[in-house]
Protein backbone atom coordinates (compact mmCIF):
# COMPACT_ATOMS: atom_id res chain seq x y z
CA MET A 1 49.89 189.67 129.28
CA ARG A 2 50.57 189.46 132.82
CA VAL A 3 54.09 187.67 132.72
CA ASP A 4 57.02 187.82 130.23
CA ALA A 5 57.84 185.42 127.48
CA PRO A 6 60.29 181.89 128.57
CA ARG A 7 63.84 182.21 127.83
CA LEU A 8 65.10 178.75 125.94
CA ARG A 9 68.12 177.41 127.02
CA SER A 10 68.70 174.44 125.12
CA PRO A 11 68.89 172.92 122.79
CA GLU A 12 70.01 175.38 121.33
CA ASN A 13 68.65 177.08 118.33
CA GLY A 14 70.06 175.12 115.25
CA ALA A 15 71.33 171.99 117.37
CA ALA A 16 71.33 168.21 116.66
CA VAL A 17 69.72 165.86 119.10
CA SER A 18 70.46 162.22 119.31
CA CYS A 19 67.67 159.96 119.00
CA SER A 20 69.71 157.76 120.58
CA SER A 21 70.30 159.55 124.40
CA GLU A 22 67.18 161.47 126.51
CA GLY A 23 66.72 165.00 124.89
CA ILE A 24 65.79 167.69 127.22
CA LEU A 25 64.15 170.74 126.85
CA ASN A 26 65.04 173.37 128.90
CA TRP A 27 63.98 177.01 129.65
CA GLY A 28 64.17 180.00 132.33
CA ALA A 29 61.54 180.08 135.03
CA VAL A 30 59.21 183.11 134.37
CA PRO A 31 59.11 185.53 137.47
CA SER A 32 56.24 186.71 138.90
CA THR A 33 53.84 183.78 138.16
CA LEU A 34 50.89 182.22 140.05
CA ALA A 35 51.01 179.12 141.75
CA ALA A 36 47.99 177.80 139.51
CA ASP A 37 49.70 178.92 136.44
CA ILE A 38 51.49 176.47 134.02
CA TYR A 39 54.12 176.13 131.40
CA LEU A 40 52.55 174.77 127.83
CA VAL A 41 55.41 173.41 125.63
CA HIS A 42 54.98 172.95 122.03
CA LEU A 43 56.57 170.49 119.86
CA GLY A 44 56.18 169.79 116.16
CA TYR A 45 57.80 168.95 113.48
CA VAL A 46 58.83 170.36 110.03
CA ASN A 47 56.80 168.64 107.48
CA SER A 48 57.66 170.80 103.90
CA ILE A 49 59.83 174.05 103.51
CA ALA A 50 58.37 175.80 100.55
CA ALA A 51 60.70 177.55 97.76
CA ASP A 52 60.45 180.82 99.52
CA GLY A 53 61.35 179.07 102.90
CA THR A 54 58.38 179.00 104.67
CA GLU A 55 57.82 176.28 107.06
CA GLU A 56 54.55 173.98 107.13
CA VAL A 57 55.30 172.46 110.98
CA ILE A 58 53.05 170.25 112.25
CA TRP A 59 52.44 170.67 116.07
CA VAL A 60 52.47 167.17 117.54
CA ILE A 61 52.44 167.83 121.53
CA THR A 62 51.38 170.64 124.03
CA GLN A 63 52.46 169.70 127.06
CA GLN A 64 51.48 171.01 130.47
CA GLN A 65 54.46 171.53 133.22
CA PRO A 66 53.95 172.95 136.55
CA MET A 67 55.92 176.03 137.41
CA GLY A 68 58.57 174.49 139.40
CA LYS A 69 59.48 172.31 136.49
CA THR A 70 61.50 174.44 133.55
CA SER A 71 62.27 171.48 131.50
CA TRP A 72 60.35 168.46 129.69
CA SER A 73 61.93 164.85 128.54
CA LEU A 74 61.49 164.24 124.42
CA ASP A 75 60.12 160.94 123.87
CA ASN A 76 62.51 159.21 121.45
CA ASP A 77 59.13 157.59 119.88
CA LEU A 78 58.16 160.77 118.28
CA CYS A 79 62.24 161.07 116.23
CA GLY A 80 61.05 159.41 113.53
CA LEU A 81 57.93 161.45 112.39
CA ALA A 82 59.62 164.20 110.83
CA PRO A 83 60.46 163.67 106.98
CA VAL A 84 64.34 163.07 106.35
CA THR A 85 63.74 164.99 103.24
CA ASP A 86 63.89 168.29 105.31
CA GLY A 87 66.50 167.03 107.89
CA LYS A 88 64.54 165.50 110.58
CA GLN A 89 64.34 169.46 111.96
CA TRP A 90 61.80 169.66 115.01
CA ARG A 91 60.69 173.55 116.68
CA TRP A 92 59.49 174.16 119.95
CA TYR A 93 58.29 176.77 122.06
CA VAL A 94 56.86 177.71 125.56
CA GLU A 95 54.41 180.21 127.40
CA VAL A 96 52.69 180.62 130.34
CA ALA A 97 49.22 179.78 130.51
CA GLU A 98 46.27 179.88 133.43
CA LYS A 99 43.48 177.59 133.79
CA THR A 100 40.06 178.83 133.35
CA ALA A 101 36.40 177.44 133.13
CA GLU A 102 37.19 178.18 129.36
CA GLY A 103 40.20 176.03 129.21
CA LEU A 104 43.86 177.17 129.19
CA GLN A 105 44.43 181.06 128.25
CA PRO A 106 47.82 182.49 127.77
CA VAL A 107 49.21 184.61 130.01
CA SER A 108 52.53 185.42 129.08
CA PRO A 109 53.80 185.95 124.99
CA ALA A 110 55.11 182.99 123.63
CA SER A 111 58.80 182.61 123.62
CA PRO A 112 60.61 182.68 120.31
CA THR A 113 60.57 179.39 118.33
CA TRP A 114 63.86 177.48 118.19
CA GLY A 115 64.57 174.49 115.93
CA PHE A 116 66.97 171.18 116.26
CA ALA A 117 67.32 168.13 114.20
CA TRP A 118 66.61 165.19 115.66
CA GLN A 119 69.10 162.49 114.44
């Protein structure tokens, strides 16, 4: 890995986000990246939670963001995808990648995965 993992900022882990207002995912800029690097923002919902607490997350979006942009606006149309039975829980994380002939290749570890309830 060439650079550090992005540091997530908001919504804070465990926060509630309103479906009726614009939700924004924010993270800190990663130093020492290259101009051609991009952020990959991963967003998914918790489909089920096993008795032992293990979550099944359905990852629905991997959004590319340029290095100068450290936020991404949530599409409120996605709000209803997460099951109500598990509290409409969502998970997200960010990593840095580079474009190669073989596709996108990570150049940072993934950030911690944070969660929020989209209500």
